[in-house]
Amino acid sequence: MSYPAAVWISVKDAAELVKRHPDTVYAWIESGRVNHRRNLRGVLEVEATAALAAESSVRIGRPRNSARPNIKVTHRTDVLDKTSERREDVSRQSRTTLEGQST
């Protein structure tokens, strides 16, 4: 039994085929979802049927509870505290400079 030869296309063409951004196709390559190779010119290519299969297995939309992963609320308050401390330092320095100039 003979199998048809695989059709290899560029990442750009694969992205157009599956209506996704090329970065998505690169992510599929890194995760191993898509077979890939470099042709003789050094261009990265993916197997067309693998790209279609990867696209059909992807869920549309953002996963639940992923709006702000790994961000702690205390981090924001720490940044705000440091910003207010910096403002106080700057105003203190400018007052010292102005007092030194007036004398």
PDB file of N, CA and C in Angstrom:
ATOM      1  N   MET A   1       0.851  -1.169   0.000  1.00  0.00           N
ATOM      2  CA  MET A   1       0.000   0.000   0.000  1.00  0.00           C
ATOM      3  C   MET A   1       0.899   1.234   0.000  1.00  0.00           C
ATOM      4  N   SER A   2       0.634   2.157  -0.881  1.00  0.00           N
ATOM      5  CA  SER A   2       1.430   3.377  -0.939  1.00  0.00           C
ATOM      6  C   SER A   2       0.619   4.541  -0.372  1.00  0.00           C
ATOM      7  N   TYR A   3       1.328   5.397   0.306  1.00  0.00           N
ATOM      8  CA  TYR A   3       0.698   6.570   0.904  1.00  0.00           C
ATOM      9  C   TYR A   3       1.059   7.793   0.083  1.00  0.00           C
ATOM     10  N   PRO A   4       0.164   8.757   0.005  1.00  0.00           N
ATOM     11  CA  PRO A   4       0.496   9.974  -0.726  1.00  0.00           C
ATOM     12  C   PRO A   4       1.608  10.731  -0.011  1.00  0.00           C
ATOM     13  N   ALA A   5       2.420  11.415  -0.776  1.00  0.00           N
ATOM     14  CA  ALA A   5       3.511  12.192  -0.195  1.00  0.00           C
ATOM     15  C   ALA A   5       2.946  13.338   0.623  1.00  0.00           C
ATOM     16  N   ALA A   6       3.646  13.658   1.688  1.00  0.00           N
ATOM     17  CA  ALA A   6       3.219  14.773   2.536  1.00  0.00           C
ATOM     18  C   ALA A   6       3.418  16.087   1.784  1.00  0.00           C
ATOM     19  N   VAL A   7       2.530  17.011   2.029  1.00  0.00           N
ATOM     20  CA  VAL A   7       2.629  18.329   1.420  1.00  0.00           C
ATOM     21  C   VAL A   7       3.212  19.271   2.475  1.00  0.00           C
ATOM     22  N   TRP A   8       4.358  19.860   2.158  1.00  0.00           N
ATOM     23  CA  TRP A   8       5.046  20.759   3.084  1.00  0.00           C
ATOM     24  C   TRP A   8       4.844  22.192   2.626  1.00  0.00           C
ATOM     25  N   ILE A   9       4.444  23.056   3.559  1.00  0.00           N
ATOM     26  CA  ILE A   9       4.205  24.465   3.244  1.00  0.00           C
ATOM     27  C   ILE A   9       4.925  25.340   4.270  1.00  0.00           C
ATOM     28  N   SER A  10       5.162  26.590   3.905  1.00  0.00           N
ATOM     29  CA  SER A  10       5.846  27.515   4.821  1.00  0.00           C
ATOM     30  C   SER A  10       4.942  27.844   6.012  1.00  0.00           C
ATOM     31  N   VAL A  11       5.546  28.376   7.056  1.00  0.00           N
ATOM     32  CA  VAL A  11       4.784  28.761   8.245  1.00  0.00           C
ATOM     33  C   VAL A  11       3.762  29.836   7.873  1.00  0.00           C
ATOM     34  N   LYS A  12       4.159  30.776   7.035  1.00  0.00           N
ATOM     35  CA  LYS A  12       3.238  31.836   6.612  1.00  0.00           C
ATOM     36  C   LYS A  12       2.034  31.238   5.888  1.00  0.00           C
ATOM     37  N   ASP A  13       2.294  30.298   4.957  1.00  0.00           N
ATOM     38  CA  ASP A  13       1.196  29.667   4.233  1.00  0.00           C
ATOM     39  C   ASP A  13       0.312  28.841   5.158  1.00  0.00           C
ATOM     40  N   ALA A  14       0.936  28.166   6.124  1.00  0.00           N
ATOM     41  CA  ALA A  14       0.163  27.371   7.083  1.00  0.00           C
ATOM     42  C   ALA A  14      -0.747  28.271   7.921  1.00  0.00           C
ATOM     43  N   ALA A  15      -0.207  29.431   8.316  1.00  0.00           N
ATOM     44  CA  ALA A  15      -1.017  30.368   9.105  1.00  0.00           C
ATOM     45  C   ALA A  15      -2.209  30.858   8.293  1.00  0.00           C
ATOM     46  N   GLU A  16      -1.993  31.134   7.017  1.00  0.00           N
ATOM     47  CA  GLU A  16      -3.101  31.557   6.156  1.00  0.00           C
ATOM     48  C   GLU A  16      -4.099  30.420   5.957  1.00  0.00           C
ATOM     49  N   LEU A  17      -3.601  29.197   5.844  1.00  0.00           N
ATOM     50  CA  LEU A  17      -4.465  28.041   5.634  1.00  0.00           C
ATOM     51  C   LEU A  17      -5.420  27.833   6.801  1.00  0.00           C
ATOM     52  N   VAL A  18      -4.894  27.962   8.023  1.00  0.00           N
ATOM     53  CA  VAL A  18      -5.716  27.704   9.212  1.00  0.00           C
ATOM     54  C   VAL A  18      -6.299  28.984   9.815  1.00  0.00           C
ATOM     55  N   LYS A  19      -6.047  30.119   9.155  1.00  0.00           N
ATOM     56  CA  LYS A  19      -6.568  31.415   9.595  1.00  0.00           C
ATOM     57  C   LYS A  19      -6.133  31.751  11.023  1.00  0.00           C
ATOM     58  N   ARG A  20      -4.839  31.602  11.268  1.00  0.00           N
ATOM     59  CA  ARG A  20      -4.225  31.929  12.549  1.00  0.00           C
ATOM     60  C   ARG A  20      -2.996  32.783  12.309  1.00  0.00           C
ATOM     61  N   HIS A  21      -2.453  33.354  13.365  1.00  0.00           N
ATOM     62  CA  HIS A  21      -1.228  34.149  13.285  1.00  0.00           C
ATOM     63  C   HIS A  21      -0.038  33.201  13.155  1.00  0.00           C
ATOM     64  N   PRO A  22       1.006  33.602  12.421  1.00  0.00           N
ATOM     65  CA  PRO A  22       2.191  32.748  12.314  1.00  0.00           C
ATOM     66  C   PRO A  22       2.802  32.371  13.666  1.00  0.00           C
ATOM     67  N   ASP A  23       2.697  33.263  14.667  1.00  0.00           N
ATOM     68  CA  ASP A  23       3.207  32.926  16.000  1.00  0.00           C
ATOM     69  C   ASP A  23       2.503  31.708  16.576  1.00  0.00           C
ATOM     70  N   THR A  24       1.233  31.540  16.244  1.00  0.00           N
ATOM     71  CA  THR A  24       0.487  30.368  16.708  1.00  0.00           C
ATOM     72  C   THR A  24       1.053  29.097  16.091  1.00  0.00           C
ATOM     73  N   VAL A  25       1.383  29.162  14.811  1.00  0.00           N
ATOM     74  CA  VAL A  25       1.969  27.994  14.139  1.00  0.00           C
ATOM     75  C   VAL A  25       3.324  27.679  14.757  1.00  0.00           C
ATOM     76  N   TYR A  26       4.129  28.703  15.054  1.00  0.00           N
ATOM     77  CA  TYR A  26       5.421  28.474  15.727  1.00  0.00           C
ATOM     78  C   TYR A  26       5.219  27.831  17.095  1.00  0.00           C
ATOM     79  N   ALA A  27       4.183  28.241  17.804  1.00  0.00           N
ATOM     80  CA  ALA A  27       3.887  27.641  19.109  1.00  0.00           C
ATOM     81  C   ALA A  27       3.518  26.171  18.951  1.00  0.00           C
ATOM     82  N   TRP A  28       2.766  25.854  17.905  1.00  0.00           N
ATOM     83  CA  TRP A  28       2.420  24.453  17.646  1.00  0.00           C
ATOM     84  C   TRP A  28       3.679  23.647  17.331  1.00  0.00           C
ATOM     85  N   ILE A  29       4.604  24.242  16.615  1.00  0.00           N
ATOM     86  CA  ILE A  29       5.860  23.555  16.301  1.00  0.00           C
ATOM     87  C   ILE A  29       6.629  23.269  17.581  1.00  0.00           C
ATOM     88  N   GLU A  30       6.750  24.286  18.451  1.00  0.00           N
ATOM     89  CA  GLU A  30       7.487  24.112  19.704  1.00  0.00           C
ATOM     90  C   GLU A  30       6.846  23.070  20.609  1.00  0.00           C
ATOM     91  N   SER A  31       5.520  22.996  20.589  1.00  0.00           N
ATOM     92  CA  SER A  31       4.837  22.038  21.461  1.00  0.00           C
ATOM     93  C   SER A  31       4.788  20.633  20.864  1.00  0.00           C
ATOM     94  N   GLY A  32       5.198  20.501  19.599  1.00  0.00           N
ATOM     95  CA  GLY A  32       5.210  19.188  18.972  1.00  0.00           C
ATOM     96  C   GLY A  32       3.903  18.795  18.316  1.00  0.00           C
ATOM     97  N   ARG A  33       2.970  19.714  18.196  1.00  0.00           N
ATOM     98  CA  ARG A  33       1.678  19.398  17.566  1.00  0.00           C
ATOM     99  C   ARG A  33       1.780  19.250  16.056  1.00  0.00           C
ATOM    100  N   VAL A  34       2.790  19.900  15.469  1.00  0.00           N
ATOM    101  CA  VAL A  34       2.901  19.960  14.013  1.00  0.00           C
ATOM    102  C   VAL A  34       4.268  19.423  13.589  1.00  0.00           C
ATOM    103  N   ASN A  35       4.273  18.544  12.578  1.00  0.00           N
ATOM    104  CA  ASN A  35       5.530  18.075  12.011  1.00  0.00           C
ATOM    105  C   ASN A  35       6.175  19.211  11.239  1.00  0.00           C
ATOM    106  N   HIS A  36       7.480  19.348  11.374  1.00  0.00           N
ATOM    107  CA  HIS A  36       8.164  20.440  10.692  1.00  0.00           C
ATOM    108  C   HIS A  36       9.529  19.981  10.183  1.00  0.00           C
ATOM    109  N   ARG A  37      10.087  20.785   9.297  1.00  0.00           N
ATOM    110  CA  ARG A  37      11.423  20.536   8.761  1.00  0.00           C
ATOM    111  C   ARG A  37      11.940  21.841   8.164  1.00  0.00           C
ATOM    112  N   ARG A  38      13.220  21.847   7.841  1.00  0.00           N
ATOM    113  CA  ARG A  38      13.809  22.961   7.097  1.00  0.00           C
ATOM    114  C   ARG A  38      14.121  22.456   5.704  1.00  0.00           C
ATOM    115  N   ASN A  39      13.729  23.226   4.701  1.00  0.00           N
ATOM    116  CA  ASN A  39      14.005  22.801   3.330  1.00  0.00           C
ATOM    117  C   ASN A  39      15.454  23.145   2.963  1.00  0.00           C
ATOM    118  N   LEU A  40      15.841  22.898   1.728  1.00  0.00           N
ATOM    119  CA  LEU A  40      17.225  23.116   1.318  1.00  0.00           C
ATOM    120  C   LEU A  40      17.638  24.580   1.403  1.00  0.00           C
ATOM    121  N   ARG A  41      16.694  25.475   1.310  1.00  0.00           N
ATOM    122  CA  ARG A  41      16.990  26.906   1.435  1.00  0.00           C
ATOM    123  C   ARG A  41      16.995  27.376   2.887  1.00  0.00           C
ATOM    124  N   GLY A  42      16.684  26.493   3.814  1.00  0.00           N
ATOM    125  CA  GLY A  42      16.675  26.839   5.234  1.00  0.00           C
ATOM    126  C   GLY A  42      15.354  27.379   5.734  1.00  0.00           C
ATOM    127  N   VAL A  43      14.330  27.327   4.891  1.00  0.00           N
ATOM    128  CA  VAL A  43      13.005  27.832   5.279  1.00  0.00           C
ATOM    129  C   VAL A  43      12.293  26.773   6.109  1.00  0.00           C
ATOM    130  N   LEU A  44      11.725  27.195   7.218  1.00  0.00           N
ATOM    131  CA  LEU A  44      10.969  26.284   8.078  1.00  0.00           C
ATOM    132  C   LEU A  44       9.645  25.958   7.414  1.00  0.00           C
ATOM    133  N   GLU A  45       9.333  24.681   7.308  1.00  0.00           N
ATOM    134  CA  GLU A  45       8.084  24.228   6.688  1.00  0.00           C
ATOM    135  C   GLU A  45       7.343  23.310   7.647  1.00  0.00           C
ATOM    136  N   VAL A  46       6.034  23.273   7.489  1.00  0.00           N
ATOM    137  CA  VAL A  46       5.196  22.375   8.278  1.00  0.00           C
ATOM    138  C   VAL A  46       4.375  21.513   7.341  1.00  0.00           C
ATOM    139  N   GLU A  47       3.966  20.380   7.836  1.00  0.00           N
ATOM    140  CA  GLU A  47       3.124  19.495   7.055  1.00  0.00           C
ATOM    141  C   GLU A  47       1.697  20.060   7.061  1.00  0.00           C
ATOM    142  N   ALA A  48       1.113  20.230   5.894  1.00  0.00           N
ATOM    143  CA  ALA A  48      -0.190  20.884   5.763  1.00  0.00           C
ATOM    144  C   ALA A  48      -1.278  20.142   6.539  1.00  0.00           C
ATOM    145  N   THR A  49      -1.308  18.818   6.434  1.00  0.00           N
ATOM    146  CA  THR A  49      -2.358  18.067   7.129  1.00  0.00           C
ATOM    147  C   THR A  49      -2.188  18.151   8.640  1.00  0.00           C
ATOM    148  N   ALA A  50      -0.951  18.234   9.117  1.00  0.00           N
ATOM    149  CA  ALA A  50      -0.709  18.366  10.558  1.00  0.00           C
ATOM    150  C   ALA A  50      -1.175  19.729  11.057  1.00  0.00           C
ATOM    151  N   ALA A  51      -0.971  20.766  10.242  1.00  0.00           N
ATOM    152  CA  ALA A  51      -1.442  22.106  10.627  1.00  0.00           C
ATOM    153  C   ALA A  51      -2.961  22.124  10.726  1.00  0.00           C
ATOM    154  N   LEU A  52      -3.626  21.499   9.761  1.00  0.00           N
ATOM    155  CA  LEU A  52      -5.089  21.429   9.805  1.00  0.00           C
ATOM    156  C   LEU A  52      -5.571  20.641  11.011  1.00  0.00           C
ATOM    157  N   ALA A  53      -4.885  19.547  11.326  1.00  0.00           N
ATOM    158  CA  ALA A  53      -5.273  18.737  12.485  1.00  0.00           C
ATOM    159  C   ALA A  53      -5.056  19.509  13.782  1.00  0.00           C
ATOM    160  N   ALA A  54      -3.964  20.260  13.864  1.00  0.00           N
ATOM    161  CA  ALA A  54      -3.692  21.047  15.076  1.00  0.00           C
ATOM    162  C   ALA A  54      -4.739  22.133  15.248  1.00  0.00           C
ATOM    163  N   GLU A  55      -5.123  22.767  14.153  1.00  0.00           N
ATOM    164  CA  GLU A  55      -6.112  23.838  14.219  1.00  0.00           C
ATOM    165  C   GLU A  55      -7.466  23.303  14.668  1.00  0.00           C
ATOM    166  N   SER A  56      -7.820  22.133  14.200  1.00  0.00           N
ATOM    167  CA  SER A  56      -9.131  21.587  14.557  1.00  0.00           C
ATOM    168  C   SER A  56      -9.188  21.129  16.014  1.00  0.00           C
ATOM    169  N   SER A  57      -8.029  20.906  16.636  1.00  0.00           N
ATOM    170  CA  SER A  57      -8.014  20.457  18.028  1.00  0.00           C
ATOM    171  C   SER A  57      -7.936  21.609  19.019  1.00  0.00           C
ATOM    172  N   VAL A  58      -7.807  22.830  18.518  1.00  0.00           N
ATOM    173  CA  VAL A  58      -7.666  24.002  19.384  1.00  0.00           C
ATOM    174  C   VAL A  58      -9.037  24.555  19.733  1.00  0.00           C
ATOM    175  N   ARG A  59      -9.219  24.867  21.001  1.00  0.00           N
ATOM    176  CA  ARG A  59     -10.460  25.506  21.432  1.00  0.00           C
ATOM    177  C   ARG A  59     -10.364  27.001  21.176  1.00  0.00           C
ATOM    178  N   ILE A  60     -11.470  27.567  20.812  1.00  0.00           N
ATOM    179  CA  ILE A  60     -11.515  29.001  20.540  1.00  0.00           C
ATOM    180  C   ILE A  60     -11.771  29.736  21.845  1.00  0.00           C
ATOM    181  N   GLY A  61     -11.091  30.841  22.044  1.00  0.00           N
ATOM    182  CA  GLY A  61     -11.300  31.667  23.222  1.00  0.00           C
ATOM    183  C   GLY A  61     -10.250  31.436  24.285  1.00  0.00           C
ATOM    184  N   ARG A  62     -10.340  32.217  25.331  1.00  0.00           N
ATOM    185  CA  ARG A  62      -9.378  32.151  26.414  1.00  0.00           C
ATOM    186  C   ARG A  62      -9.818  31.111  27.435  1.00  0.00           C
ATOM    187  N   PRO A  63      -8.884  30.327  27.968  1.00  0.00           N
ATOM    188  CA  PRO A  63      -9.252  29.364  29.005  1.00  0.00           C
ATOM    189  C   PRO A  63      -9.786  30.077  30.249  1.00  0.00           C
ATOM    190  N   ARG A  64     -10.597  29.398  30.981  1.00  0.00           N
ATOM    191  CA  ARG A  64     -11.153  29.989  32.197  1.00  0.00           C
ATOM    192  C   ARG A  64     -10.048  30.292  33.194  1.00  0.00           C
ATOM    193  N   ASN A  65     -10.260  31.352  33.972  1.00  0.00           N
ATOM    194  CA  ASN A  65      -9.336  31.772  35.031  1.00  0.00           C
ATOM    195  C   ASN A  65      -7.937  32.074  34.507  1.00  0.00           C
ATOM    196  N   SER A  66      -7.832  32.564  33.290  1.00  0.00           N
ATOM    197  CA  SER A  66      -6.510  32.872  32.765  1.00  0.00           C
ATOM    198  C   SER A  66      -6.329  34.348  32.453  1.00  0.00           C
ATOM    199  N   ALA A  67      -7.216  35.178  32.965  1.00  0.00           N
ATOM    200  CA  ALA A  67      -7.135  36.600  32.647  1.00  0.00           C
ATOM    201  C   ALA A  67      -5.844  37.209  33.170  1.00  0.00           C
ATOM    202  N   ARG A  68      -5.456  36.881  34.381  1.00  0.00           N
ATOM    203  CA  ARG A  68      -4.235  37.428  34.958  1.00  0.00           C
ATOM    204  C   ARG A  68      -3.514  36.335  35.743  1.00  0.00           C
ATOM    205  N   PRO A  69      -2.874  35.410  35.061  1.00  0.00           N
ATOM    206  CA  PRO A  69      -2.219  34.319  35.778  1.00  0.00           C
ATOM    207  C   PRO A  69      -0.973  34.787  36.526  1.00  0.00           C
ATOM    208  N   ASN A  70      -0.773  34.257  37.704  1.00  0.00           N
ATOM    209  CA  ASN A  70       0.439  34.463  38.495  1.00  0.00           C
ATOM    210  C   ASN A  70       0.719  35.923  38.844  1.00  0.00           C
ATOM    211  N   ILE A  71      -0.285  36.744  38.962  1.00  0.00           N
ATOM    212  CA  ILE A  71      -0.088  38.125  39.372  1.00  0.00           C
ATOM    213  C   ILE A  71      -0.710  38.291  40.748  1.00  0.00           C
ATOM    214  N   LYS A  72       0.097  38.739  41.679  1.00  0.00           N
ATOM    215  CA  LYS A  72      -0.388  38.912  43.039  1.00  0.00           C
ATOM    216  C   LYS A  72      -0.827  40.351  43.240  1.00  0.00           C
ATOM    217  N   VAL A  73      -1.883  40.529  43.956  1.00  0.00           N
ATOM    218  CA  VAL A  73      -2.397  41.868  44.217  1.00  0.00           C
ATOM    219  C   VAL A  73      -1.401  42.660  45.046  1.00  0.00           C
ATOM    220  N   THR A  74      -0.689  41.984  45.936  1.00  0.00           N
ATOM    221  CA  THR A  74       0.275  42.698  46.779  1.00  0.00           C
ATOM    222  C   THR A  74       1.381  43.318  45.934  1.00  0.00           C
ATOM    223  N   HIS A  75       1.670  42.744  44.789  1.00  0.00           N
ATOM    224  CA  HIS A  75       2.696  43.307  43.918  1.00  0.00           C
ATOM    225  C   HIS A  75       2.304  44.712  43.485  1.00  0.00           C
ATOM    226  N   ARG A  76       1.046  44.907  43.156  1.00  0.00           N
ATOM    227  CA  ARG A  76       0.577  46.226  42.725  1.00  0.00           C
ATOM    228  C   ARG A  76       0.722  47.238  43.851  1.00  0.00           C
ATOM    229  N   THR A  77       0.380  46.855  45.061  1.00  0.00           N
ATOM    230  CA  THR A  77       0.510  47.795  46.175  1.00  0.00           C
ATOM    231  C   THR A  77       1.975  48.075  46.464  1.00  0.00           C
ATOM    232  N   ASP A  78       2.839  47.086  46.299  1.00  0.00           N
ATOM    233  CA  ASP A  78       4.273  47.313  46.487  1.00  0.00           C
ATOM    234  C   ASP A  78       4.787  48.339  45.489  1.00  0.00           C
ATOM    235  N   VAL A  79       4.349  48.225  44.254  1.00  0.00           N
ATOM    236  CA  VAL A  79       4.768  49.173  43.228  1.00  0.00           C
ATOM    237  C   VAL A  79       4.253  50.561  43.556  1.00  0.00           C
ATOM    238  N   LEU A  80       2.998  50.656  43.982  1.00  0.00           N
ATOM    239  CA  LEU A  80       2.432  51.954  44.331  1.00  0.00           C
ATOM    240  C   LEU A  80       3.159  52.569  45.520  1.00  0.00           C
ATOM    241  N   ASP A  81       3.502  51.749  46.514  1.00  0.00           N
ATOM    242  CA  ASP A  81       4.244  52.256  47.668  1.00  0.00           C
ATOM    243  C   ASP A  81       5.603  52.791  47.239  1.00  0.00           C
ATOM    244  N   LYS A  82       6.300  52.066  46.374  1.00  0.00           N
ATOM    245  CA  LYS A  82       7.615  52.511  45.915  1.00  0.00           C
ATOM    246  C   LYS A  82       7.500  53.782  45.086  1.00  0.00           C
ATOM    247  N   THR A  83       6.416  53.892  44.308  1.00  0.00           N
ATOM    248  CA  THR A  83       6.217  55.095  43.504  1.00  0.00           C
ATOM    249  C   THR A  83       5.986  56.301  44.402  1.00  0.00           C
ATOM    250  N   SER A  84       5.178  56.148  45.437  1.00  0.00           N
ATOM    251  CA  SER A  84       4.922  57.269  46.337  1.00  0.00           C
ATOM    252  C   SER A  84       6.187  57.625  47.122  1.00  0.00           C
ATOM    253  N   GLU A  85       6.990  56.616  47.506  1.00  0.00           N
ATOM    254  CA  GLU A  85       8.253  56.893  48.184  1.00  0.00           C
ATOM    255  C   GLU A  85       9.190  57.683  47.268  1.00  0.00           C
ATOM    256  N   ARG A  86       9.219  57.302  45.990  1.00  0.00           N
ATOM    257  CA  ARG A  86      10.070  58.002  45.031  1.00  0.00           C
ATOM    258  C   ARG A  86       9.612  59.444  44.855  1.00  0.00           C
ATOM    259  N   ARG A  87       8.308  59.675  44.812  1.00  0.00           N
ATOM    260  CA  ARG A  87       7.788  61.044  44.695  1.00  0.00           C
ATOM    261  C   ARG A  87       8.184  61.881  45.905  1.00  0.00           C
ATOM    262  N   GLU A  88       8.100  61.275  47.089  1.00  0.00           N
ATOM    263  CA  GLU A  88       8.496  61.996  48.299  1.00  0.00           C
ATOM    264  C   GLU A  88       9.976  62.343  48.261  1.00  0.00           C
ATOM    265  N   ASP A  89      10.814  61.414  47.799  1.00  0.00           N
ATOM    266  CA  ASP A  89      12.248  61.673  47.694  1.00  0.00           C
ATOM    267  C   ASP A  89      12.535  62.809  46.721  1.00  0.00           C
ATOM    268  N   VAL A  90      11.862  62.793  45.582  1.00  0.00           N
ATOM    269  CA  VAL A  90      12.077  63.830  44.574  1.00  0.00           C
ATOM    270  C   VAL A  90      11.637  65.185  45.103  1.00  0.00           C
ATOM    271  N   SER A  91      10.472  65.245  45.762  1.00  0.00           N
ATOM    272  CA  SER A  91      10.009  66.530  46.292  1.00  0.00           C
ATOM    273  C   SER A  91      10.929  67.016  47.407  1.00  0.00           C
ATOM    274  N   ARG A  92      11.438  66.115  48.230  1.00  0.00           N
ATOM    275  CA  ARG A  92      12.361  66.472  49.292  1.00  0.00           C
ATOM    276  C   ARG A  92      13.651  67.036  48.697  1.00  0.00           C
ATOM    277  N   GLN A  93      14.142  66.394  47.646  1.00  0.00           N
ATOM    278  CA  GLN A  93      15.364  66.869  46.993  1.00  0.00           C
ATOM    279  C   GLN A  93      15.151  68.230  46.344  1.00  0.00           C
ATOM    280  N   SER A  94      14.011  68.427  45.715  1.00  0.00           N
ATOM    281  CA  SER A  94      13.753  69.713  45.066  1.00  0.00           C
ATOM    282  C   SER A  94      13.587  70.819  46.107  1.00  0.00           C
ATOM    283  N   ARG A  95      12.967  70.510  47.254  1.00  0.00           N
ATOM    284  CA  ARG A  95      12.856  71.517  48.323  1.00  0.00           C
ATOM    285  C   ARG A  95      14.234  71.887  48.860  1.00  0.00           C
ATOM    286  N   THR A  96      15.082  70.890  49.030  1.00  0.00           N
ATOM    287  CA  THR A  96      16.432  71.143  49.521  1.00  0.00           C
ATOM    288  C   THR A  96      17.199  72.002  48.527  1.00  0.00           C
ATOM    289  N   THR A  97      17.056  71.717  47.268  1.00  0.00           N
ATOM    290  CA  THR A  97      17.726  72.487  46.221  1.00  0.00           C
ATOM    291  C   THR A  97      17.217  73.920  46.197  1.00  0.00           C
ATOM    292  N   LEU A  98      15.907  74.095  46.296  1.00  0.00           N
ATOM    293  CA  LEU A  98      15.334  75.438  46.281  1.00  0.00           C
ATOM    294  C   LEU A  98      15.746  76.234  47.535  1.00  0.00           C
ATOM    295  N   GLU A  99      15.795  75.591  48.693  1.00  0.00           N
ATOM    296  CA  GLU A  99      16.216  76.264  49.919  1.00  0.00           C
ATOM    297  C   GLU A  99      17.667  76.691  49.809  1.00  0.00           C
ATOM    298  N   GLY A 100      18.507  75.857  49.192  1.00  0.00           N
ATOM    299  CA  GLY A 100      19.914  76.179  49.014  1.00  0.00           C
ATOM    300  C   GLY A 100      20.121  77.339  48.067  1.00  0.00           C
ATOM    301  N   GLN A 101      19.262  77.507  47.074  1.00  0.00           N
ATOM    302  CA  GLN A 101      19.377  78.591  46.110  1.00  0.00           C
ATOM    303  C   GLN A 101      18.884  79.905  46.687  1.00  0.00           C
ATOM    304  N   SER A 102      17.915  79.868  47.588  1.00  0.00           N
ATOM    305  CA  SER A 102      17.318  81.110  48.125  1.00  0.00           C
ATOM    306  C   SER A 102      18.209  81.768  49.160  1.00  0.00           C
ATOM    307  N   THR A 103      19.164  81.038  49.736  1.00  0.00           N
ATOM    308  CA  THR A 103      20.023  81.641  50.746  1.00  0.00           C
ATOM    309  C   THR A 103      21.244  82.271  50.184  1.00  0.00           C
TER     310      THR A 103
END
